[in-house]
């Protein structure tokens, strides 16, 4: 699943010039403070070693609504505290960048849609699937404008269709075309990122737009866009995946278990309190509350360990992308699946 943010906000920088002058003017005081701090650190060192075992670094995107909620609520921090683990949230603009962060060791776990891990595995990235959220087939769709004469997917033959190349919706479009007796070559794909796709869609430079939530919900609310087709019934599943560094996942089962428990409990609360959850999440995503609420309705949040059936579904997507020459080589998804979970 996909988002529109800058690379993983690392926090605000301090005004170094102002602090430098202050420290220069108070040099003697700074020396005293440093000495005291050094003494305190020695006194507290045994306690810190006893209490702190590590840090869970989580890669997330602003479109990952449940993670955004968990970060805002601080619920995972509370869940991991008894284990001596802290939490560091590292934000990424999209799935591919998150996978790269995971590959180079910048984060321990992450949450993405179906497509990014396939491309990452084909490129030799090191990661494992260790959990998934239930299918959300209505959270991505082929949209047409409210006044479009197009009433069926079959009518897309010869039409221009905007989509983000190699994303989840690429697979949705392929499967919907197949279902309606068309080949991918029967339409003219226009590869655009979500923001550009929205502009082309509204200006009617394309006949349809294939997109995911929350961009889908935003287009529906703002422009009256009509859903021509989504992943139902049984066309695609649109799973969301929890990924991690293999060593971290295997060496820290209690941390993964705590992540699962908190994600399930927060997901249950979210679904029971959609409006309240949307009011918390919306300002952090920079979207209207009603847009976020609509998008939340189409997702399920109940993380579970990867099953053979889910891995097989992901394999179908990988095989399709290889046939379309979107990835350079065939891959075996099961090679990147953790065999067992706590």
C-alpha atoms as a PDB file:
ATOM      1  CA  UNK A   1       0.000   0.000   0.000  1.00  0.00           C
ATOM      2  CA  UNK A   2       1.449   3.568  -0.885  1.00  0.00           C
ATOM      3  CA  UNK A   3       1.941   7.259   0.747  1.00  0.00           C
ATOM      4  CA  UNK A   4       2.854  10.954   0.015  1.00  0.00           C
ATOM      5  CA  UNK A   5       5.444  12.088   2.630  1.00  0.00           C
ATOM      6  CA  UNK A   6       9.146  13.186   2.845  1.00  0.00           C
ATOM      7  CA  UNK A   7      11.799  10.765   3.960  1.00  0.00           C
ATOM      8  CA  UNK A   8      11.409   9.718   7.455  1.00  0.00           C
ATOM      9  CA  UNK A   9      11.273  12.699   9.621  1.00  0.00           C
ATOM     10  CA  UNK A  10      14.109  12.545  12.099  1.00  0.00           C
ATOM     11  CA  UNK A  11      12.883  15.344  14.332  1.00  0.00           C
ATOM     12  CA  UNK A  12      13.692  19.034  14.676  1.00  0.00           C
ATOM     13  CA  UNK A  13      17.250  20.302  14.560  1.00  0.00           C
ATOM     14  CA  UNK A  14      18.422  22.497  17.389  1.00  0.00           C
ATOM     15  CA  UNK A  15      19.415  26.128  16.620  1.00  0.00           C
ATOM     16  CA  UNK A  16      23.136  25.372  16.954  1.00  0.00           C
ATOM     17  CA  UNK A  17      24.360  28.935  16.567  1.00  0.00           C
ATOM     18  CA  UNK A  18      22.342  30.212  19.524  1.00  0.00           C
ATOM     19  CA  UNK A  19      23.359  27.268  21.696  1.00  0.00           C
ATOM     20  CA  UNK A  20      27.029  27.709  20.779  1.00  0.00           C
ATOM     21  CA  UNK A  21      27.062  31.301  21.993  1.00  0.00           C
ATOM     22  CA  UNK A  22      25.290  30.365  25.186  1.00  0.00           C
ATOM     23  CA  UNK A  23      27.761  27.593  25.904  1.00  0.00           C
ATOM     24  CA  UNK A  24      30.731  29.837  25.150  1.00  0.00           C
ATOM     25  CA  UNK A  25      29.478  32.509  27.543  1.00  0.00           C
ATOM     26  CA  UNK A  26      28.858  29.924  30.245  1.00  0.00           C
ATOM     27  CA  UNK A  27      31.931  27.765  29.763  1.00  0.00           C
ATOM     28  CA  UNK A  28      32.672  27.321  33.439  1.00  0.00           C
ATOM     29  CA  UNK A  29      29.078  26.303  34.191  1.00  0.00           C
ATOM     30  CA  UNK A  30      29.188  23.835  31.329  1.00  0.00           C
ATOM     31  CA  UNK A  31      32.278  22.190  32.783  1.00  0.00           C
ATOM     32  CA  UNK A  32      30.573  21.811  36.134  1.00  0.00           C
ATOM     33  CA  UNK A  33      27.451  20.360  34.526  1.00  0.00           C
ATOM     34  CA  UNK A  34      29.553  17.941  32.494  1.00  0.00           C
ATOM     35  CA  UNK A  35      31.368  16.747  35.571  1.00  0.00           C
ATOM     36  CA  UNK A  36      28.123  16.183  37.422  1.00  0.00           C
ATOM     37  CA  UNK A  37      26.639  14.380  34.432  1.00  0.00           C
ATOM     38  CA  UNK A  38      29.684  12.109  34.244  1.00  0.00           C
ATOM     39  CA  UNK A  39      29.350  11.184  37.912  1.00  0.00           C
ATOM     40  CA  UNK A  40      25.624  10.532  37.522  1.00  0.00           C
ATOM     41  CA  UNK A  41      26.229   8.350  34.458  1.00  0.00           C
ATOM     42  CA  UNK A  42      28.640   6.192  36.427  1.00  0.00           C
ATOM     43  CA  UNK A  43      26.132   5.858  39.247  1.00  0.00           C
ATOM     44  CA  UNK A  44      23.281   4.946  36.898  1.00  0.00           C
ATOM     45  CA  UNK A  45      25.219   2.688  34.533  1.00  0.00           C
ATOM     46  CA  UNK A  46      24.355  -0.585  36.322  1.00  0.00           C
ATOM     47  CA  UNK A  47      20.685   0.413  36.433  1.00  0.00           C
ATOM     48  CA  UNK A  48      20.639   1.284  32.748  1.00  0.00           C
ATOM     49  CA  UNK A  49      22.219  -2.030  31.837  1.00  0.00           C
ATOM     50  CA  UNK A  50      19.687  -3.867  33.963  1.00  0.00           C
ATOM     51  CA  UNK A  51      16.674  -2.000  32.584  1.00  0.00           C
ATOM     52  CA  UNK A  52      17.569  -1.488  28.912  1.00  0.00           C
ATOM     53  CA  UNK A  53      18.059  -4.449  26.612  1.00  0.00           C
ATOM     54  CA  UNK A  54      17.609  -2.783  23.288  1.00  0.00           C
ATOM     55  CA  UNK A  55      15.512  -0.756  20.905  1.00  0.00           C
ATOM     56  CA  UNK A  56      12.889  -1.742  18.374  1.00  0.00           C
ATOM     57  CA  UNK A  57      13.351   0.445  15.295  1.00  0.00           C
ATOM     58  CA  UNK A  58      10.121   0.535  13.306  1.00  0.00           C
ATOM     59  CA  UNK A  59       9.962   1.690   9.706  1.00  0.00           C
ATOM     60  CA  UNK A  60       6.580   3.144   8.819  1.00  0.00           C
ATOM     61  CA  UNK A  61       4.782   5.354   6.325  1.00  0.00           C
ATOM     62  CA  UNK A  62       2.207   8.004   7.176  1.00  0.00           C
ATOM     63  CA  UNK A  63      -0.360   6.019   5.203  1.00  0.00           C
ATOM     64  CA  UNK A  64       0.089   3.127   7.676  1.00  0.00           C
ATOM     65  CA  UNK A  65      -2.773   4.320   9.852  1.00  0.00           C
ATOM     66  CA  UNK A  66      -2.456   1.751  12.635  1.00  0.00           C
ATOM     67  CA  UNK A  67       1.245   2.480  13.158  1.00  0.00           C
ATOM     68  CA  UNK A  68       0.458   6.206  13.128  1.00  0.00           C
ATOM     69  CA  UNK A  69      -2.128   5.603  15.853  1.00  0.00           C
ATOM     70  CA  UNK A  70       0.219   3.414  17.905  1.00  0.00           C
ATOM     71  CA  UNK A  71       2.953   6.047  17.680  1.00  0.00           C
ATOM     72  CA  UNK A  72       0.563   8.807  18.721  1.00  0.00           C
ATOM     73  CA  UNK A  73      -0.805   6.787  21.643  1.00  0.00           C
ATOM     74  CA  UNK A  74       2.558   5.462  22.833  1.00  0.00           C
ATOM     75  CA  UNK A  75       0.929   2.079  23.364  1.00  0.00           C
ATOM     76  CA  UNK A  76       3.789  -0.008  21.994  1.00  0.00           C
ATOM     77  CA  UNK A  77       6.313   1.762  24.183  1.00  0.00           C
ATOM     78  CA  UNK A  78       4.269   0.734  27.227  1.00  0.00           C
ATOM     79  CA  UNK A  79       3.984  -2.827  25.960  1.00  0.00           C
ATOM     80  CA  UNK A  80       7.750  -3.174  25.419  1.00  0.00           C
ATOM     81  CA  UNK A  81       8.905  -1.410  28.588  1.00  0.00           C
ATOM     82  CA  UNK A  82       8.733  -4.584  30.750  1.00  0.00           C
ATOM     83  CA  UNK A  83      11.043  -6.262  28.229  1.00  0.00           C
ATOM     84  CA  UNK A  84      13.596  -3.463  28.541  1.00  0.00           C
ATOM     85  CA  UNK A  85      13.042  -2.325  24.958  1.00  0.00           C
ATOM     86  CA  UNK A  86      12.478   1.187  23.733  1.00  0.00           C
ATOM     87  CA  UNK A  87      10.889   2.150  20.401  1.00  0.00           C
ATOM     88  CA  UNK A  88      12.295   4.310  17.633  1.00  0.00           C
ATOM     89  CA  UNK A  89       9.877   5.293  14.867  1.00  0.00           C
ATOM     90  CA  UNK A  90      11.555   5.897  11.506  1.00  0.00           C
ATOM     91  CA  UNK A  91       9.348   7.379   8.805  1.00  0.00           C
ATOM     92  CA  UNK A  92       9.757   6.604   5.096  1.00  0.00           C
ATOM     93  CA  UNK A  93       8.026   8.182   2.079  1.00  0.00           C
ATOM     94  CA  UNK A  94       7.047   4.834   0.537  1.00  0.00           C
ATOM     95  CA  UNK A  95       7.494   1.081   0.667  1.00  0.00           C
ATOM     96  CA  UNK A  96      10.591   0.786  -1.567  1.00  0.00           C
ATOM     97  CA  UNK A  97      12.552   3.217   0.597  1.00  0.00           C
ATOM     98  CA  UNK A  98      11.399   1.390   3.719  1.00  0.00           C
ATOM     99  CA  UNK A  99      12.640  -1.913   2.286  1.00  0.00           C
ATOM    100  CA  UNK A 100      15.988  -0.301   1.518  1.00  0.00           C
ATOM    101  CA  UNK A 101      16.180   0.924   5.107  1.00  0.00           C
ATOM    102  CA  UNK A 102      15.479  -2.598   6.302  1.00  0.00           C
ATOM    103  CA  UNK A 103      18.076  -4.020   3.922  1.00  0.00           C
ATOM    104  CA  UNK A 104      20.867  -1.728   5.151  1.00  0.00           C
ATOM    105  CA  UNK A 105      20.017  -2.222   8.832  1.00  0.00           C
ATOM    106  CA  UNK A 106      18.479   1.182   9.529  1.00  0.00           C
ATOM    107  CA  UNK A 107      15.309  -0.417  10.958  1.00  0.00           C
ATOM    108  CA  UNK A 108      14.387  -3.777  12.471  1.00  0.00           C
ATOM    109  CA  UNK A 109      10.793  -4.150  11.284  1.00  0.00           C
ATOM    110  CA  UNK A 110       8.444  -2.439   8.860  1.00  0.00           C
ATOM    111  CA  UNK A 111       4.933  -2.515   7.421  1.00  0.00           C
ATOM    112  CA  UNK A 112       4.181  -2.369   3.672  1.00  0.00           C
ATOM    113  CA  UNK A 113       1.783  -3.538   0.999  1.00  0.00           C
ATOM    114  CA  UNK A 114       2.189  -6.484  -1.355  1.00  0.00           C
ATOM    115  CA  UNK A 115       4.369  -5.063  -4.123  1.00  0.00           C
ATOM    116  CA  UNK A 116       7.469  -3.520  -2.460  1.00  0.00           C
ATOM    117  CA  UNK A 117       8.765  -6.768  -0.902  1.00  0.00           C
ATOM    118  CA  UNK A 118       8.516  -8.545  -4.251  1.00  0.00           C
ATOM    119  CA  UNK A 119      10.726  -5.961  -5.940  1.00  0.00           C
ATOM    120  CA  UNK A 120      13.087  -5.925  -2.965  1.00  0.00           C
ATOM    121  CA  UNK A 121      13.474  -9.708  -2.935  1.00  0.00           C
ATOM    122  CA  UNK A 122      14.106  -9.733  -6.687  1.00  0.00           C
ATOM    123  CA  UNK A 123      16.857  -7.168  -6.090  1.00  0.00           C
ATOM    124  CA  UNK A 124      18.472  -9.342  -3.421  1.00  0.00           C
ATOM    125  CA  UNK A 125      17.319  -7.435  -0.339  1.00  0.00           C
ATOM    126  CA  UNK A 126      17.604  -9.224   2.994  1.00  0.00           C
ATOM    127  CA  UNK A 127      14.349  -9.368   4.959  1.00  0.00           C
ATOM    128  CA  UNK A 128      11.652 -11.781   6.077  1.00  0.00           C
ATOM    129  CA  UNK A 129       7.876 -11.732   6.155  1.00  0.00           C
ATOM    130  CA  UNK A 130       6.697 -12.460   9.691  1.00  0.00           C
ATOM    131  CA  UNK A 131       3.108 -11.207   9.813  1.00  0.00           C
ATOM    132  CA  UNK A 132       0.177 -10.006   7.730  1.00  0.00           C
ATOM    133  CA  UNK A 133      -3.053  -8.082   8.138  1.00  0.00           C
ATOM    134  CA  UNK A 134      -6.289  -9.584   6.765  1.00  0.00           C
ATOM    135  CA  UNK A 135      -7.332  -8.965   3.188  1.00  0.00           C
ATOM    136  CA  UNK A 136      -8.565  -5.467   2.314  1.00  0.00           C
ATOM    137  CA  UNK A 137      -9.839  -5.856  -1.263  1.00  0.00           C
ATOM    138  CA  UNK A 138     -11.954  -2.680  -1.121  1.00  0.00           C
ATOM    139  CA  UNK A 139      -8.994  -0.501  -0.127  1.00  0.00           C
ATOM    140  CA  UNK A 140      -7.822  -0.210  -3.752  1.00  0.00           C
ATOM    141  CA  UNK A 141      -9.914   0.422  -6.839  1.00  0.00           C
ATOM    142  CA  UNK A 142     -10.231   1.469 -10.458  1.00  0.00           C
ATOM    143  CA  UNK A 143     -11.830   4.911 -10.393  1.00  0.00           C
ATOM    144  CA  UNK A 144     -13.609   6.893 -13.092  1.00  0.00           C
ATOM    145  CA  UNK A 145     -14.923  10.431 -12.871  1.00  0.00           C
ATOM    146  CA  UNK A 146     -18.494  10.884 -11.674  1.00  0.00           C
ATOM    147  CA  UNK A 147     -19.652  11.877 -15.172  1.00  0.00           C
ATOM    148  CA  UNK A 148     -17.665   9.218 -17.050  1.00  0.00           C
ATOM    149  CA  UNK A 149     -19.638   7.178 -19.600  1.00  0.00           C
ATOM    150  CA  UNK A 150     -17.539   4.106 -18.694  1.00  0.00           C
ATOM    151  CA  UNK A 151     -19.662   1.633 -16.734  1.00  0.00           C
ATOM    152  CA  UNK A 152     -17.617  -1.592 -16.846  1.00  0.00           C
ATOM    153  CA  UNK A 153     -14.003  -2.718 -16.852  1.00  0.00           C
ATOM    154  CA  UNK A 154     -14.553  -4.187 -20.318  1.00  0.00           C
ATOM    155  CA  UNK A 155     -15.125  -0.635 -21.586  1.00  0.00           C
ATOM    156  CA  UNK A 156     -11.532   0.269 -20.669  1.00  0.00           C
ATOM    157  CA  UNK A 157     -10.353  -1.348 -23.923  1.00  0.00           C
ATOM    158  CA  UNK A 158      -8.337   1.227 -25.830  1.00  0.00           C
ATOM    159  CA  UNK A 159      -8.526   3.687 -22.922  1.00  0.00           C
ATOM    160  CA  UNK A 160      -5.805   5.481 -20.960  1.00  0.00           C
ATOM    161  CA  UNK A 161      -5.482   4.206 -17.410  1.00  0.00           C
ATOM    162  CA  UNK A 162      -3.253   5.900 -14.832  1.00  0.00           C
ATOM    163  CA  UNK A 163      -1.505   3.800 -12.197  1.00  0.00           C
ATOM    164  CA  UNK A 164       1.635   3.631 -10.107  1.00  0.00           C
ATOM    165  CA  UNK A 165       3.896   1.170 -11.925  1.00  0.00           C
ATOM    166  CA  UNK A 166       4.753  -1.981  -9.997  1.00  0.00           C
ATOM    167  CA  UNK A 167       2.458  -1.201  -7.077  1.00  0.00           C
ATOM    168  CA  UNK A 168      -0.383  -3.245  -5.589  1.00  0.00           C
ATOM    169  CA  UNK A 169      -2.834  -1.625  -7.984  1.00  0.00           C
ATOM    170  CA  UNK A 170      -0.801  -2.798 -10.969  1.00  0.00           C
ATOM    171  CA  UNK A 171      -1.750  -6.332  -9.987  1.00  0.00           C
ATOM    172  CA  UNK A 172      -5.377  -5.312  -9.355  1.00  0.00           C
ATOM    173  CA  UNK A 173      -5.635  -3.856 -12.860  1.00  0.00           C
ATOM    174  CA  UNK A 174      -4.142  -6.961 -14.474  1.00  0.00           C
ATOM    175  CA  UNK A 175      -6.547  -9.280 -12.643  1.00  0.00           C
ATOM    176  CA  UNK A 176      -9.622  -7.123 -13.322  1.00  0.00           C
ATOM    177  CA  UNK A 177      -8.760  -6.947 -17.020  1.00  0.00           C
ATOM    178  CA  UNK A 178      -8.355 -10.738 -17.120  1.00  0.00           C
ATOM    179  CA  UNK A 179     -11.689 -11.191 -15.388  1.00  0.00           C
ATOM    180  CA  UNK A 180     -13.341  -9.064 -18.064  1.00  0.00           C
ATOM    181  CA  UNK A 181     -11.711 -10.771 -21.052  1.00  0.00           C
ATOM    182  CA  UNK A 182      -9.004  -8.181 -21.676  1.00  0.00           C
ATOM    183  CA  UNK A 183      -5.226  -8.269 -21.735  1.00  0.00           C
ATOM    184  CA  UNK A 184      -2.981  -5.627 -20.258  1.00  0.00           C
ATOM    185  CA  UNK A 185      -1.998  -4.720 -23.818  1.00  0.00           C
ATOM    186  CA  UNK A 186      -5.639  -3.812 -24.526  1.00  0.00           C
ATOM    187  CA  UNK A 187      -5.338  -0.618 -22.493  1.00  0.00           C
ATOM    188  CA  UNK A 188      -2.824   2.235 -22.586  1.00  0.00           C
ATOM    189  CA  UNK A 189      -1.135   2.416 -19.187  1.00  0.00           C
ATOM    190  CA  UNK A 190      -0.018   5.842 -18.010  1.00  0.00           C
ATOM    191  CA  UNK A 191       2.481   5.389 -15.198  1.00  0.00           C
ATOM    192  CA  UNK A 192       2.108   8.154 -12.639  1.00  0.00           C
ATOM    193  CA  UNK A 193       2.737   8.581  -8.926  1.00  0.00           C
ATOM    194  CA  UNK A 194      -0.438   9.187  -6.860  1.00  0.00           C
ATOM    195  CA  UNK A 195      -0.279  13.002  -6.872  1.00  0.00           C
ATOM    196  CA  UNK A 196       0.302  13.172 -10.635  1.00  0.00           C
ATOM    197  CA  UNK A 197      -2.291  10.465 -11.190  1.00  0.00           C
ATOM    198  CA  UNK A 198      -4.865  12.522  -9.310  1.00  0.00           C
ATOM    199  CA  UNK A 199      -4.078  15.586 -11.445  1.00  0.00           C
ATOM    200  CA  UNK A 200      -4.351  13.623 -14.693  1.00  0.00           C
ATOM    201  CA  UNK A 201      -7.570  12.028 -13.492  1.00  0.00           C
ATOM    202  CA  UNK A 202      -9.257  15.289 -12.524  1.00  0.00           C
ATOM    203  CA  UNK A 203      -8.186  17.005 -15.760  1.00  0.00           C
ATOM    204  CA  UNK A 204      -9.500  13.980 -17.704  1.00  0.00           C
ATOM    205  CA  UNK A 205      -6.182  13.376 -19.405  1.00  0.00           C
ATOM    206  CA  UNK A 206      -6.757   9.728 -18.556  1.00  0.00           C
ATOM    207  CA  UNK A 207      -9.974   7.726 -18.640  1.00  0.00           C
ATOM    208  CA  UNK A 208      -9.482   5.888 -15.350  1.00  0.00           C
ATOM    209  CA  UNK A 209      -7.190   5.846 -12.356  1.00  0.00           C
ATOM    210  CA  UNK A 210      -6.172   2.796 -10.313  1.00  0.00           C
ATOM    211  CA  UNK A 211      -5.309   3.836  -6.762  1.00  0.00           C
ATOM    212  CA  UNK A 212      -5.299   2.768  -3.116  1.00  0.00           C
ATOM    213  CA  UNK A 213      -6.487   4.293   0.146  1.00  0.00           C
ATOM    214  CA  UNK A 214      -6.289   6.911   1.493  1.00  0.00           C
ATOM    215  CA  UNK A 215      -5.841   8.490  -1.962  1.00  0.00           C
ATOM    216  CA  UNK A 216      -8.868   6.565  -3.165  1.00  0.00           C
ATOM    217  CA  UNK A 217     -11.035   7.886  -0.331  1.00  0.00           C
ATOM    218  CA  UNK A 218      -9.742  11.422  -0.912  1.00  0.00           C
ATOM    219  CA  UNK A 219     -10.728  11.303  -4.600  1.00  0.00           C
ATOM    220  CA  UNK A 220     -14.159   9.929  -3.759  1.00  0.00           C
ATOM    221  CA  UNK A 221     -14.831  12.601  -1.151  1.00  0.00           C
ATOM    222  CA  UNK A 222     -13.341  15.548  -3.032  1.00  0.00           C
ATOM    223  CA  UNK A 223     -14.363  14.838  -6.624  1.00  0.00           C
ATOM    224  CA  UNK A 224     -17.205  12.336  -6.416  1.00  0.00           C
ATOM    225  CA  UNK A 225     -15.038   9.759  -8.200  1.00  0.00           C
ATOM    226  CA  UNK A 226     -16.894   6.505  -8.876  1.00  0.00           C
ATOM    227  CA  UNK A 227     -15.533   3.044  -8.132  1.00  0.00           C
ATOM    228  CA  UNK A 228     -15.603   1.089 -11.371  1.00  0.00           C
ATOM    229  CA  UNK A 229     -14.168  -2.019  -9.727  1.00  0.00           C
ATOM    230  CA  UNK A 230     -12.157  -2.951  -6.658  1.00  0.00           C
ATOM    231  CA  UNK A 231     -10.631  -6.197  -5.425  1.00  0.00           C
ATOM    232  CA  UNK A 232     -13.992  -7.847  -4.802  1.00  0.00           C
ATOM    233  CA  UNK A 233     -15.354 -10.408  -5.245  1.00  0.00           C
ATOM    234  CA  UNK A 234     -12.252 -12.556  -4.839  1.00  0.00           C
ATOM    235  CA  UNK A 235     -10.226 -10.762  -7.501  1.00  0.00           C
ATOM    236  CA  UNK A 236      -7.327  -9.726  -5.251  1.00  0.00           C
ATOM    237  CA  UNK A 237      -6.779  -9.860  -1.508  1.00  0.00           C
ATOM    238  CA  UNK A 238      -4.621  -6.773  -0.971  1.00  0.00           C
ATOM    239  CA  UNK A 239      -2.805  -8.019   2.117  1.00  0.00           C
ATOM    240  CA  UNK A 240      -0.520  -5.793   4.169  1.00  0.00           C
ATOM    241  CA  UNK A 241       2.735  -7.267   5.471  1.00  0.00           C
ATOM    242  CA  UNK A 242       4.958  -6.997   8.534  1.00  0.00           C
ATOM    243  CA  UNK A 243       8.589  -7.429   7.509  1.00  0.00           C
ATOM    244  CA  UNK A 244      11.760  -7.655   9.542  1.00  0.00           C
ATOM    245  CA  UNK A 245      15.459  -8.390   9.661  1.00  0.00           C
ATOM    246  CA  UNK A 246      15.712 -12.172   9.896  1.00  0.00           C
ATOM    247  CA  UNK A 247      18.152 -12.200  12.827  1.00  0.00           C
ATOM    248  CA  UNK A 248      16.174  -9.652  14.813  1.00  0.00           C
ATOM    249  CA  UNK A 249      12.887 -11.496  14.358  1.00  0.00           C
ATOM    250  CA  UNK A 250      14.378 -14.852  15.327  1.00  0.00           C
ATOM    251  CA  UNK A 251      16.366 -13.553  18.296  1.00  0.00           C
ATOM    252  CA  UNK A 252      13.574 -11.421  19.780  1.00  0.00           C
ATOM    253  CA  UNK A 253      10.360 -13.493  19.773  1.00  0.00           C
ATOM    254  CA  UNK A 254       8.989 -11.719  22.851  1.00  0.00           C
ATOM    255  CA  UNK A 255       9.405  -8.341  21.162  1.00  0.00           C
ATOM    256  CA  UNK A 256       7.597  -9.584  18.045  1.00  0.00           C
ATOM    257  CA  UNK A 257       4.900 -11.084  20.250  1.00  0.00           C
ATOM    258  CA  UNK A 258       4.453  -7.729  22.023  1.00  0.00           C
ATOM    259  CA  UNK A 259       4.248  -5.949  18.660  1.00  0.00           C
ATOM    260  CA  UNK A 260       1.535  -8.389  17.568  1.00  0.00           C
ATOM    261  CA  UNK A 261      -0.415  -8.005  20.810  1.00  0.00           C
ATOM    262  CA  UNK A 262      -0.343  -4.218  20.718  1.00  0.00           C
ATOM    263  CA  UNK A 263      -1.241  -4.088  17.019  1.00  0.00           C
ATOM    264  CA  UNK A 264      -4.225  -6.392  17.576  1.00  0.00           C
ATOM    265  CA  UNK A 265      -5.524  -4.527  20.626  1.00  0.00           C
ATOM    266  CA  UNK A 266      -5.085  -1.112  19.026  1.00  0.00           C
ATOM    267  CA  UNK A 267      -6.661  -2.394  15.813  1.00  0.00           C
ATOM    268  CA  UNK A 268      -9.715  -3.624  17.730  1.00  0.00           C
ATOM    269  CA  UNK A 269     -10.035  -0.250  19.448  1.00  0.00           C
ATOM    270  CA  UNK A 270      -9.678   1.553  16.106  1.00  0.00           C
ATOM    271  CA  UNK A 271     -12.455  -0.448  14.426  1.00  0.00           C
ATOM    272  CA  UNK A 272     -14.778   0.116  17.383  1.00  0.00           C
ATOM    273  CA  UNK A 273     -14.001   3.845  17.499  1.00  0.00           C
ATOM    274  CA  UNK A 274     -13.559   4.809  13.855  1.00  0.00           C
ATOM    275  CA  UNK A 275     -14.395   8.482  14.205  1.00  0.00           C
ATOM    276  CA  UNK A 276     -12.241   9.013  17.280  1.00  0.00           C
ATOM    277  CA  UNK A 277      -9.345   7.142  15.664  1.00  0.00           C
ATOM    278  CA  UNK A 278      -9.719   9.204  12.482  1.00  0.00           C
ATOM    279  CA  UNK A 279      -9.608  12.411  14.514  1.00  0.00           C
ATOM    280  CA  UNK A 280      -6.276  11.321  16.005  1.00  0.00           C
ATOM    281  CA  UNK A 281      -4.776  10.067  12.748  1.00  0.00           C
ATOM    282  CA  UNK A 282      -6.032  12.708  10.275  1.00  0.00           C
ATOM    283  CA  UNK A 283      -3.871  15.667  11.371  1.00  0.00           C
ATOM    284  CA  UNK A 284      -0.799  13.431  11.416  1.00  0.00           C
ATOM    285  CA  UNK A 285      -1.521  12.306   7.851  1.00  0.00           C
ATOM    286  CA  UNK A 286      -2.514  15.790   6.708  1.00  0.00           C
ATOM    287  CA  UNK A 287      -5.939  14.605   5.537  1.00  0.00           C
ATOM    288  CA  UNK A 288      -9.538  15.516   6.396  1.00  0.00           C
ATOM    289  CA  UNK A 289     -11.093  13.398   9.133  1.00  0.00           C
ATOM    290  CA  UNK A 290     -13.900  12.096   6.901  1.00  0.00           C
ATOM    291  CA  UNK A 291     -11.362  10.877   4.320  1.00  0.00           C
ATOM    292  CA  UNK A 292      -9.365   8.988   6.937  1.00  0.00           C
ATOM    293  CA  UNK A 293     -12.545   7.538   8.441  1.00  0.00           C
ATOM    294  CA  UNK A 294     -13.665   6.200   5.046  1.00  0.00           C
ATOM    295  CA  UNK A 295     -10.242   4.654   4.403  1.00  0.00           C
ATOM    296  CA  UNK A 296     -10.165   3.040   7.863  1.00  0.00           C
ATOM    297  CA  UNK A 297     -13.503   1.360   7.159  1.00  0.00           C
ATOM    298  CA  UNK A 298     -11.915  -0.598   4.305  1.00  0.00           C
ATOM    299  CA  UNK A 299      -8.969  -2.018   6.245  1.00  0.00           C
ATOM    300  CA  UNK A 300      -8.854  -4.776   8.843  1.00  0.00           C
ATOM    301  CA  UNK A 301      -6.240  -4.683  11.593  1.00  0.00           C
ATOM    302  CA  UNK A 302      -5.603  -8.108  13.077  1.00  0.00           C
ATOM    303  CA  UNK A 303      -2.007  -9.150  12.462  1.00  0.00           C
ATOM    304  CA  UNK A 304      -1.270 -12.884  12.300  1.00  0.00           C
ATOM    305  CA  UNK A 305       1.808 -14.992  11.470  1.00  0.00           C
ATOM    306  CA  UNK A 306       2.316 -15.748   7.776  1.00  0.00           C
ATOM    307  CA  UNK A 307       0.452 -18.839   6.567  1.00  0.00           C
ATOM    308  CA  UNK A 308       1.244 -21.032   3.538  1.00  0.00           C
ATOM    309  CA  UNK A 309      -1.938 -19.782   1.833  1.00  0.00           C
ATOM    310  CA  UNK A 310      -0.917 -16.132   2.251  1.00  0.00           C
ATOM    311  CA  UNK A 311       2.606 -16.858   1.007  1.00  0.00           C
ATOM    312  CA  UNK A 312       1.092 -18.636  -2.002  1.00  0.00           C
ATOM    313  CA  UNK A 313      -1.031 -15.570  -2.755  1.00  0.00           C
ATOM    314  CA  UNK A 314       2.066 -13.370  -2.640  1.00  0.00           C
ATOM    315  CA  UNK A 315       3.802 -15.837  -4.961  1.00  0.00           C
ATOM    316  CA  UNK A 316       1.051 -15.336  -7.563  1.00  0.00           C
ATOM    317  CA  UNK A 317       1.756 -11.610  -7.567  1.00  0.00           C
ATOM    318  CA  UNK A 318       5.491 -12.220  -7.910  1.00  0.00           C
ATOM    319  CA  UNK A 319       4.902 -14.588 -10.833  1.00  0.00           C
ATOM    320  CA  UNK A 320       2.630 -12.053 -12.536  1.00  0.00           C
ATOM    321  CA  UNK A 321       5.200  -9.274 -12.139  1.00  0.00           C
ATOM    322  CA  UNK A 322       7.883 -11.555 -13.614  1.00  0.00           C
ATOM    323  CA  UNK A 323       5.653 -12.376 -16.595  1.00  0.00           C
ATOM    324  CA  UNK A 324       5.102  -8.640 -17.114  1.00  0.00           C
ATOM    325  CA  UNK A 325       8.895  -8.163 -16.925  1.00  0.00           C
ATOM    326  CA  UNK A 326       8.495  -5.814 -13.968  1.00  0.00           C
ATOM    327  CA  UNK A 327      11.092  -7.776 -11.973  1.00  0.00           C
ATOM    328  CA  UNK A 328      14.360  -9.098 -13.479  1.00  0.00           C
ATOM    329  CA  UNK A 329      14.099 -12.675 -12.245  1.00  0.00           C
ATOM    330  CA  UNK A 330      11.637 -15.158 -10.823  1.00  0.00           C
ATOM    331  CA  UNK A 331      11.621 -15.347  -7.040  1.00  0.00           C
ATOM    332  CA  UNK A 332      10.464 -17.836  -4.432  1.00  0.00           C
ATOM    333  CA  UNK A 333       8.526 -15.912  -1.769  1.00  0.00           C
ATOM    334  CA  UNK A 334       8.773 -18.793   0.708  1.00  0.00           C
ATOM    335  CA  UNK A 335      12.550 -18.194   0.878  1.00  0.00           C
ATOM    336  CA  UNK A 336      11.773 -14.940   2.716  1.00  0.00           C
ATOM    337  CA  UNK A 337       9.123 -16.267   5.103  1.00  0.00           C
ATOM    338  CA  UNK A 338       9.847 -16.930   8.766  1.00  0.00           C
ATOM    339  CA  UNK A 339       9.064 -20.590   9.406  1.00  0.00           C
ATOM    340  CA  UNK A 340       7.495 -20.171  12.824  1.00  0.00           C
ATOM    341  CA  UNK A 341       6.226 -17.483  15.161  1.00  0.00           C
ATOM    342  CA  UNK A 342       5.777 -17.243  18.920  1.00  0.00           C
END
